[in-house]
C-alpha atoms as a PDB file:
ATOM      1  CA  MET A   1      16.094 128.557  17.160  1.00  0.00           C
ATOM      2  CA  SER A   2      17.946 125.202  16.418  1.00  0.00           C
ATOM      3  CA  ASN A   3      17.709 123.879  12.882  1.00  0.00           C
ATOM      4  CA  ILE A   4      15.846 120.446  12.701  1.00  0.00           C
ATOM      5  CA  SER A   5      16.818 118.222   9.777  1.00  0.00           C
ATOM      6  CA  PHE A   6      14.700 115.580   7.935  1.00  0.00           C
ATOM      7  CA  GLU A   7      16.735 112.893   9.562  1.00  0.00           C
ATOM      8  CA  ASP A   8      16.086 114.282  12.989  1.00  0.00           C
ATOM      9  CA  ILE A   9      12.349 114.342  12.451  1.00  0.00           C
ATOM     10  CA  PHE A  10      12.220 110.705  11.278  1.00  0.00           C
ATOM     11  CA  LYS A  11      15.142 109.518  13.293  1.00  0.00           C
ATOM     12  CA  SER A  12      14.223 106.057  14.791  1.00  0.00           C
ATOM     13  CA  SER A  13      15.633 102.616  15.082  1.00  0.00           C
ATOM     14  CA  ILE A  14      14.122 101.675  11.709  1.00  0.00           C
ATOM     15  CA  LEU A  15      16.597 103.927   9.848  1.00  0.00           C
ATOM     16  CA  GLU A  16      19.482 102.422  11.828  1.00  0.00           C
ATOM     17  CA  LYS A  17      18.222  98.786  10.956  1.00  0.00           C
ATOM     18  CA  THR A  18      18.034  99.796   7.303  1.00  0.00           C
ATOM     19  CA  SER A  19      21.492 101.117   7.216  1.00  0.00           C
ATOM     20  CA  ASN A  20      22.867  97.677   8.577  1.00  0.00           C
ATOM     21  CA  PHE A  21      20.721  95.744   6.128  1.00  0.00           C
ATOM     22  CA  SER A  22      22.644  93.933   3.290  1.00  0.00           C
ATOM     23  CA  VAL A  23      20.416  93.712   0.122  1.00  0.00           C
ATOM     24  CA  ILE A  24      22.862  91.450  -1.689  1.00  0.00           C
ATOM     25  CA  ASP A  25      23.241  89.018   1.207  1.00  0.00           C
ATOM     26  CA  SER A  26      19.518  88.930   1.458  1.00  0.00           C
ATOM     27  CA  LEU A  27      18.976  88.374  -2.232  1.00  0.00           C
ATOM     28  CA  ILE A  28      21.617  85.651  -2.377  1.00  0.00           C
ATOM     29  CA  GLY A  29      19.878  83.848   0.548  1.00  0.00           C
ATOM     30  CA  LEU A  30      16.496  84.074  -0.875  1.00  0.00           C
ATOM     31  CA  LEU A  31      17.580  82.865  -4.191  1.00  0.00           C
ATOM     32  CA  VAL A  32      19.358  79.921  -2.843  1.00  0.00           C
ATOM     33  CA  ALA A  33      16.325  78.983  -0.802  1.00  0.00           C
ATOM     34  CA  PHE A  34      14.261  79.359  -4.000  1.00  0.00           C
ATOM     35  CA  GLY A  35      16.793  76.934  -5.851  1.00  0.00           C
ATOM     36  CA  VAL A  36      16.835  74.555  -2.867  1.00  0.00           C
ATOM     37  CA  GLY A  37      12.960  74.709  -2.674  1.00  0.00           C
ATOM     38  CA  LEU A  38      12.722  73.872  -6.592  1.00  0.00           C
ATOM     39  CA  PHE A  39      15.039  70.783  -5.976  1.00  0.00           C
ATOM     40  CA  ILE A  40      12.731  69.693  -3.009  1.00  0.00           C
ATOM     41  CA  TYR A  41       9.829  70.188  -5.397  1.00  0.00           C
ATOM     42  CA  TYR A  42      11.437  67.855  -7.983  1.00  0.00           C
ATOM     43  CA  VAL A  43      12.502  65.256  -5.514  1.00  0.00           C
ATOM     44  CA  TYR A  44       9.046  65.068  -3.945  1.00  0.00           C
ATOM     45  CA  LYS A  45       7.334  64.788  -7.513  1.00  0.00           C
ATOM     46  CA  LYS A  46       9.942  62.179  -8.536  1.00  0.00           C
ATOM     47  CA  THR A  47       9.485  60.085  -5.301  1.00  0.00           C
ATOM     48  CA  PHE A  48       5.782  60.447  -4.740  1.00  0.00           C
ATOM     49  CA  SER A  49       4.241  57.103  -4.442  1.00  0.00           C
ATOM     50  CA  GLY A  50       0.750  57.741  -3.200  1.00  0.00           C
ATOM     51  CA  VAL A  51      -2.423  57.732  -4.959  1.00  0.00           C
ATOM     52  CA  ILE A  52      -3.540  61.419  -5.170  1.00  0.00           C
ATOM     53  CA  TYR A  53      -0.545  63.959  -5.877  1.00  0.00           C
ATOM     54  CA  SER A  54      -0.939  67.289  -4.283  1.00  0.00           C
ATOM     55  CA  HIS A  55       0.500  69.917  -6.527  1.00  0.00           C
ATOM     56  CA  THR A  56      -0.252  72.746  -4.013  1.00  0.00           C
ATOM     57  CA  PHE A  57       1.514  70.949  -1.145  1.00  0.00           C
ATOM     58  CA  ASN A  58       4.612  70.549  -3.424  1.00  0.00           C
ATOM     59  CA  ILE A  59       4.541  74.169  -4.213  1.00  0.00           C
ATOM     60  CA  SER A  60       4.156  75.182  -0.576  1.00  0.00           C
ATOM     61  CA  LEU A  61       7.645  73.418   0.031  1.00  0.00           C
ATOM     62  CA  ILE A  62       9.096  76.162  -2.031  1.00  0.00           C
ATOM     63  CA  ILE A  63       7.345  78.948  -0.316  1.00  0.00           C
ATOM     64  CA  ILE A  64       8.173  77.501   3.273  1.00  0.00           C
ATOM     65  CA  SER A  65      11.826  77.386   2.295  1.00  0.00           C
ATOM     66  CA  MET A  66      11.787  81.079   1.168  1.00  0.00           C
ATOM     67  CA  ALA A  67       9.620  82.274   4.004  1.00  0.00           C
ATOM     68  CA  THR A  68      11.943  80.560   6.536  1.00  0.00           C
ATOM     69  CA  ALA A  69      14.906  82.097   5.030  1.00  0.00           C
ATOM     70  CA  LEU A  70      13.193  85.548   5.041  1.00  0.00           C
ATOM     71  CA  ILE A  71      12.522  85.256   8.899  1.00  0.00           C
ATOM     72  CA  ILE A  72      16.041  84.146   9.642  1.00  0.00           C
ATOM     73  CA  ILE A  73      17.425  87.099   7.675  1.00  0.00           C
ATOM     74  CA  GLY A  74      15.127  89.422   9.461  1.00  0.00           C
ATOM     75  CA  ILE A  75      15.986  88.252  13.068  1.00  0.00           C
ATOM     76  CA  SER A  76      19.785  87.370  12.634  1.00  0.00           C
ATOM     77  CA  SER A  77      20.880  90.885  13.410  1.00  0.00           C
ATOM     78  CA  ASN A  78      18.502  91.729  16.217  1.00  0.00           C
ATOM     79  CA  VAL A  79      18.035  89.883  19.352  1.00  0.00           C
ATOM     80  CA  LEU A  80      14.895  91.607  20.519  1.00  0.00           C
ATOM     81  CA  LEU A  81      13.181  90.969  17.188  1.00  0.00           C
ATOM     82  CA  SER A  82      14.056  87.375  17.322  1.00  0.00           C
ATOM     83  CA  LEU A  83      12.426  86.962  20.753  1.00  0.00           C
ATOM     84  CA  GLY A  84       9.288  88.810  19.509  1.00  0.00           C
ATOM     85  CA  MET A  85       9.244  86.673  16.397  1.00  0.00           C
ATOM     86  CA  VAL A  86       9.456  83.429  18.494  1.00  0.00           C
ATOM     87  CA  GLY A  87       6.495  84.662  20.630  1.00  0.00           C
ATOM     88  CA  ALA A  88       4.482  85.684  17.568  1.00  0.00           C
ATOM     89  CA  LEU A  89       4.982  82.319  15.787  1.00  0.00           C
ATOM     90  CA  SER A  90       4.245  80.309  18.983  1.00  0.00           C
ATOM     91  CA  ILE A  91       0.670  81.354  18.730  1.00  0.00           C
ATOM     92  CA  VAL A  92       0.337  79.868  15.163  1.00  0.00           C
ATOM     93  CA  ARG A  93      -1.373  76.578  14.997  1.00  0.00           C
ATOM     94  CA  PHE A  94      -1.337  74.560  11.658  1.00  0.00           C
ATOM     95  CA  ARG A  95      -4.503  72.411  11.448  1.00  0.00           C
ATOM     96  CA  THR A  96      -3.766  70.702   8.113  1.00  0.00           C
ATOM     97  CA  PRO A  97      -3.567  66.917   8.717  1.00  0.00           C
ATOM     98  CA  ILE A  98      -0.457  65.068   7.500  1.00  0.00           C
ATOM     99  CA  LYS A  99      -1.269  61.536   6.642  1.00  0.00           C
ATOM    100  CA  ASP A 100       1.913  60.422   4.952  1.00  0.00           C
ATOM    101  CA  PRO A 101       4.988  60.559   7.376  1.00  0.00           C
ATOM    102  CA  MET A 102       7.221  61.279   4.322  1.00  0.00           C
ATOM    103  CA  ASP A 103       5.308  64.557   3.842  1.00  0.00           C
ATOM    104  CA  LEU A 104       6.606  65.667   7.339  1.00  0.00           C
ATOM    105  CA  VAL A 105      10.139  64.702   6.208  1.00  0.00           C
ATOM    106  CA  TYR A 106       9.800  67.107   3.231  1.00  0.00           C
ATOM    107  CA  LEU A 107       8.295  69.945   5.313  1.00  0.00           C
ATOM    108  CA  PHE A 108      11.151  69.507   7.918  1.00  0.00           C
ATOM    109  CA  TRP A 109      13.703  69.412   5.020  1.00  0.00           C
ATOM    110  CA  ALA A 110      12.161  72.731   3.532  1.00  0.00           C
ATOM    111  CA  ILE A 111      12.194  74.377   6.954  1.00  0.00           C
ATOM    112  CA  VAL A 112      15.883  73.530   7.675  1.00  0.00           C
ATOM    113  CA  SER A 113      16.984  74.466   4.213  1.00  0.00           C
ATOM    114  CA  GLY A 114      15.397  77.917   4.850  1.00  0.00           C
ATOM    115  CA  ILE A 115      17.054  78.389   8.117  1.00  0.00           C
ATOM    116  CA  LEU A 116      20.479  77.481   6.742  1.00  0.00           C
ATOM    117  CA  CYS A 117      20.072  79.853   3.830  1.00  0.00           C
ATOM    118  CA  GLY A 118      18.870  82.657   5.960  1.00  0.00           C
ATOM    119  CA  ALA A 119      21.898  82.059   8.261  1.00  0.00           C
ATOM    120  CA  GLY A 120      24.244  82.207   5.299  1.00  0.00           C
ATOM    121  CA  PHE A 121      25.389  78.516   5.201  1.00  0.00           C
ATOM    122  CA  ILE A 122      25.008  78.243   1.434  1.00  0.00           C
ATOM    123  CA  VAL A 123      27.573  75.558   0.757  1.00  0.00           C
ATOM    124  CA  LEU A 124      26.242  73.372   3.622  1.00  0.00           C
ATOM    125  CA  VAL A 125      22.615  73.649   2.304  1.00  0.00           C
ATOM    126  CA  ILE A 126      23.502  72.910  -1.228  1.00  0.00           C
ATOM    127  CA  LEU A 127      25.634  69.810  -0.090  1.00  0.00           C
ATOM    128  CA  GLY A 128      22.788  68.641   2.219  1.00  0.00           C
ATOM    129  CA  ALA A 129      20.054  68.919  -0.292  1.00  0.00           C
ATOM    130  CA  LEU A 130      22.135  66.956  -2.796  1.00  0.00           C
ATOM    131  CA  LEU A 131      22.757  64.100  -0.263  1.00  0.00           C
ATOM    132  CA  ILE A 132      19.134  64.008   1.134  1.00  0.00           C
ATOM    133  CA  GLY A 133      17.811  64.031  -2.561  1.00  0.00           C
ATOM    134  CA  ILE A 134      20.088  61.191  -3.542  1.00  0.00           C
ATOM    135  CA  VAL A 135      19.095  59.034  -0.627  1.00  0.00           C
ATOM    136  CA  LEU A 136      15.363  59.703  -1.150  1.00  0.00           C
ATOM    137  CA  ILE A 137      15.420  58.895  -4.762  1.00  0.00           C
ATOM    138  CA  LEU A 138      17.483  55.737  -4.121  1.00  0.00           C
ATOM    139  CA  PHE A 139      15.467  54.286  -1.287  1.00  0.00           C
ATOM    140  CA  THR A 140      12.018  55.348  -2.723  1.00  0.00           C
ATOM    141  CA  ASN A 141      12.405  54.179  -6.250  1.00  0.00           C
ATOM    142  CA  ARG A 142      14.892  51.335  -6.049  1.00  0.00           C
ATOM    143  CA  ILE A 143      13.978  49.454  -2.893  1.00  0.00           C
ATOM    144  CA  LYS A 144      10.728  47.554  -3.169  1.00  0.00           C
ATOM    145  CA  ILE A 145       8.491  47.603  -0.097  1.00  0.00           C
ATOM    146  CA  GLU A 146       5.749  44.818   0.379  1.00  0.00           C
ATOM    147  CA  ASN A 147       2.928  46.277   1.933  1.00  0.00           C
ATOM    148  CA  PRO A 148       0.649  43.946   4.010  1.00  0.00           C
ATOM    149  CA  TYR A 149      -3.051  43.541   3.295  1.00  0.00           C
ATOM    150  CA  LEU A 150      -6.013  43.102   5.443  1.00  0.00           C
ATOM    151  CA  LEU A 151      -8.363  40.122   4.574  1.00  0.00           C
ATOM    152  CA  VAL A 152     -11.804  40.468   6.055  1.00  0.00           C
ATOM    153  CA  ILE A 153     -13.936  37.380   5.847  1.00  0.00           C
ATOM    154  CA  LYS A 154     -17.592  36.906   6.968  1.00  0.00           C
ATOM    155  CA  TYR A 155     -19.054  33.339   7.328  1.00  0.00           C
ATOM    156  CA  THR A 156     -21.731  31.599   8.995  1.00  0.00           C
ATOM    157  CA  ASN A 157     -20.142  28.206   9.800  1.00  0.00           C
ATOM    158  CA  GLU A 158     -17.456  28.014  12.649  1.00  0.00           C
ATOM    159  CA  SER A 159     -15.984  24.757  11.108  1.00  0.00           C
ATOM    160  CA  LEU A 160     -14.840  26.816   8.278  1.00  0.00           C
ATOM    161  CA  GLU A 161     -12.028  28.295  10.184  1.00  0.00           C
ATOM    162  CA  ASP A 162      -9.450  25.296   9.489  1.00  0.00           C
ATOM    163  CA  SER A 163     -10.281  25.583   5.820  1.00  0.00           C
ATOM    164  CA  LEU A 164      -9.689  29.249   5.635  1.00  0.00           C
ATOM    165  CA  THR A 165      -6.498  28.974   7.604  1.00  0.00           C
ATOM    166  CA  LYS A 166      -5.056  26.341   5.314  1.00  0.00           C
ATOM    167  CA  THR A 167      -6.185  28.301   2.088  1.00  0.00           C
ATOM    168  CA  ILE A 168      -4.424  31.440   3.386  1.00  0.00           C
ATOM    169  CA  SER A 169      -1.111  29.573   4.607  1.00  0.00           C
ATOM    170  CA  ASP A 170      -0.930  28.046   1.045  1.00  0.00           C
ATOM    171  CA  HIS A 171      -0.948  31.538  -0.632  1.00  0.00           C
ATOM    172  CA  ALA A 172       0.659  33.883   2.012  1.00  0.00           C
ATOM    173  CA  LYS A 173       4.151  34.287   3.187  1.00  0.00           C
ATOM    174  CA  LYS A 174       3.018  35.317   6.566  1.00  0.00           C
ATOM    175  CA  PHE A 175      -0.409  35.879   8.215  1.00  0.00           C
ATOM    176  CA  SER A 176      -1.899  36.488  11.655  1.00  0.00           C
ATOM    177  CA  VAL A 177      -5.245  37.107  12.956  1.00  0.00           C
ATOM    178  CA  LYS A 178      -5.992  40.652  13.891  1.00  0.00           C
ATOM    179  CA  SER A 179      -9.560  40.328  15.097  1.00  0.00           C
ATOM    180  CA  LYS A 180     -12.470  38.032  15.352  1.00  0.00           C
ATOM    181  CA  SER A 181     -16.209  39.012  15.954  1.00  0.00           C
ATOM    182  CA  ILE A 182     -19.397  37.062  16.654  1.00  0.00           C
ATOM    183  CA  MET A 183     -22.318  38.866  15.095  1.00  0.00           C
ATOM    184  CA  PRO A 184     -26.109  38.599  15.894  1.00  0.00           C
ATOM    185  CA  GLY A 185     -27.563  35.620  13.780  1.00  0.00           C
ATOM    186  CA  ASN A 186     -24.469  33.426  14.591  1.00  0.00           C
ATOM    187  CA  ASP A 187     -22.540  35.015  11.818  1.00  0.00           C
ATOM    188  CA  PHE A 188     -18.614  35.354  12.188  1.00  0.00           C
ATOM    189  CA  GLU A 189     -16.189  37.867  11.002  1.00  0.00           C
ATOM    190  CA  VAL A 190     -12.461  37.387  11.072  1.00  0.00           C
ATOM    191  CA  THR A 191      -9.725  39.739   9.915  1.00  0.00           C
ATOM    192  CA  TYR A 192      -6.219  38.657   8.877  1.00  0.00           C
ATOM    193  CA  GLU A 193      -3.148  40.470   8.279  1.00  0.00           C
ATOM    194  CA  ILE A 194      -1.419  38.755   5.461  1.00  0.00           C
ATOM    195  CA  ARG A 195       1.590  39.165   3.085  1.00  0.00           C
ATOM    196  CA  VAL A 196       0.668  37.546  -0.213  1.00  0.00           C
ATOM    197  CA  LYS A 197       3.257  35.817  -2.429  1.00  0.00           C
ATOM    198  CA  GLU A 198       4.248  37.778  -5.525  1.00  0.00           C
ATOM    199  CA  ASN A 199       1.291  40.030  -4.911  1.00  0.00           C
ATOM    200  CA  ASN A 200      -1.119  37.253  -5.985  1.00  0.00           C
ATOM    201  CA  ALA A 201      -4.635  38.053  -4.773  1.00  0.00           C
ATOM    202  CA  THR A 202      -6.516  35.423  -6.902  1.00  0.00           C
ATOM    203  CA  PHE A 203      -6.833  33.001  -3.842  1.00  0.00           C
ATOM    204  CA  ILE A 204      -9.616  35.314  -2.615  1.00  0.00           C
ATOM    205  CA  ASN A 205     -11.819  33.776  -5.189  1.00  0.00           C
ATOM    206  CA  ASN A 206     -11.251  30.381  -3.836  1.00  0.00           C
ATOM    207  CA  ILE A 207     -12.166  31.637  -0.242  1.00  0.00           C
ATOM    208  CA  SER A 208     -15.472  33.328  -1.453  1.00  0.00           C
ATOM    209  CA  LYS A 209     -16.383  29.964  -3.159  1.00  0.00           C
ATOM    210  CA  LEU A 210     -16.321  28.025   0.049  1.00  0.00           C
ATOM    211  CA  ASP A 211     -19.852  27.068   1.473  1.00  0.00           C
ATOM    212  CA  GLY A 212     -20.756  29.246   4.304  1.00  0.00           C
ATOM    213  CA  VAL A 213     -18.650  32.278   3.328  1.00  0.00           C
ATOM    214  CA  LYS A 214     -20.780  35.361   2.915  1.00  0.00           C
ATOM    215  CA  SER A 215     -17.988  37.797   1.708  1.00  0.00           C
ATOM    216  CA  ALA A 216     -14.273  38.136   1.529  1.00  0.00           C
ATOM    217  CA  ILE A 217     -12.526  41.527   1.304  1.00  0.00           C
ATOM    218  CA  MET A 218      -8.847  42.324   0.872  1.00  0.00           C
ATOM    219  CA  LEU A 219      -7.636  45.940   1.564  1.00  0.00           C
ATOM    220  CA  SER A 220      -4.169  47.425   1.392  1.00  0.00           C
ATOM    221  CA  TYR A 221      -2.920  47.939   5.027  1.00  0.00           C
ATOM    222  CA  ASP A 222      -0.547  50.791   6.019  1.00  0.00           C
ATOM    223  CA  GLY A 223       0.054  49.603   9.548  1.00  0.00           C
ATOM    224  CA  ASN A 224      -2.720  51.344  11.286  1.00  0.00           C
ATOM    225  CA  PHE A 225      -5.477  49.034  12.522  1.00  0.00           C
ATOM    226  CA  THR A 226      -8.753  50.138  14.073  1.00  0.00           C
ATOM    227  CA  ALA A 227     -10.815  47.394  15.679  1.00  0.00           C
END
């Protein structure tokens, strides 16, 4: 009767993969991914210019960097596992809407950083993070962007259009008509896209005082227009 050892009973590909697994390399990759994720967290918080800051989204950037690095470390030494992982991740669907294009930039940055950390390109990911962070901080905080506005005016007299055009041209750098509607009761509604001078919106008071103007509303415009 042959002797069966403990290793013979539990002999499998898992033990073989474990013997080839480097704990130190994995820890270095995950720690660097954590450090780069913290740097992305800081840059996002420093450059955020929206109205509502999402702390949970910012924290998720750190987790995405570490999770991506963990996946790359796991599949880097096994072709079959990498193919299986691709198939498994292909069924994942992310339903969270991303409204700000810059949020997509940070998500892509976190994913790329995690991939490089998992693959062992530590110097490359650190240099890339520093350069990207400098560019984002420089262009976001130092360069002033003039956002256009939508001016929606409701009026009852069609002859007011010349007066409206003159008033807007005196106080705006550029303007253009986006839409014009004729409503029941012979009411009119016109929408202008304007760029005001020195962010001065006081001229809307003069427009609202014109005879025949029922309302005048000015809204910040991010470039998406729905008629």
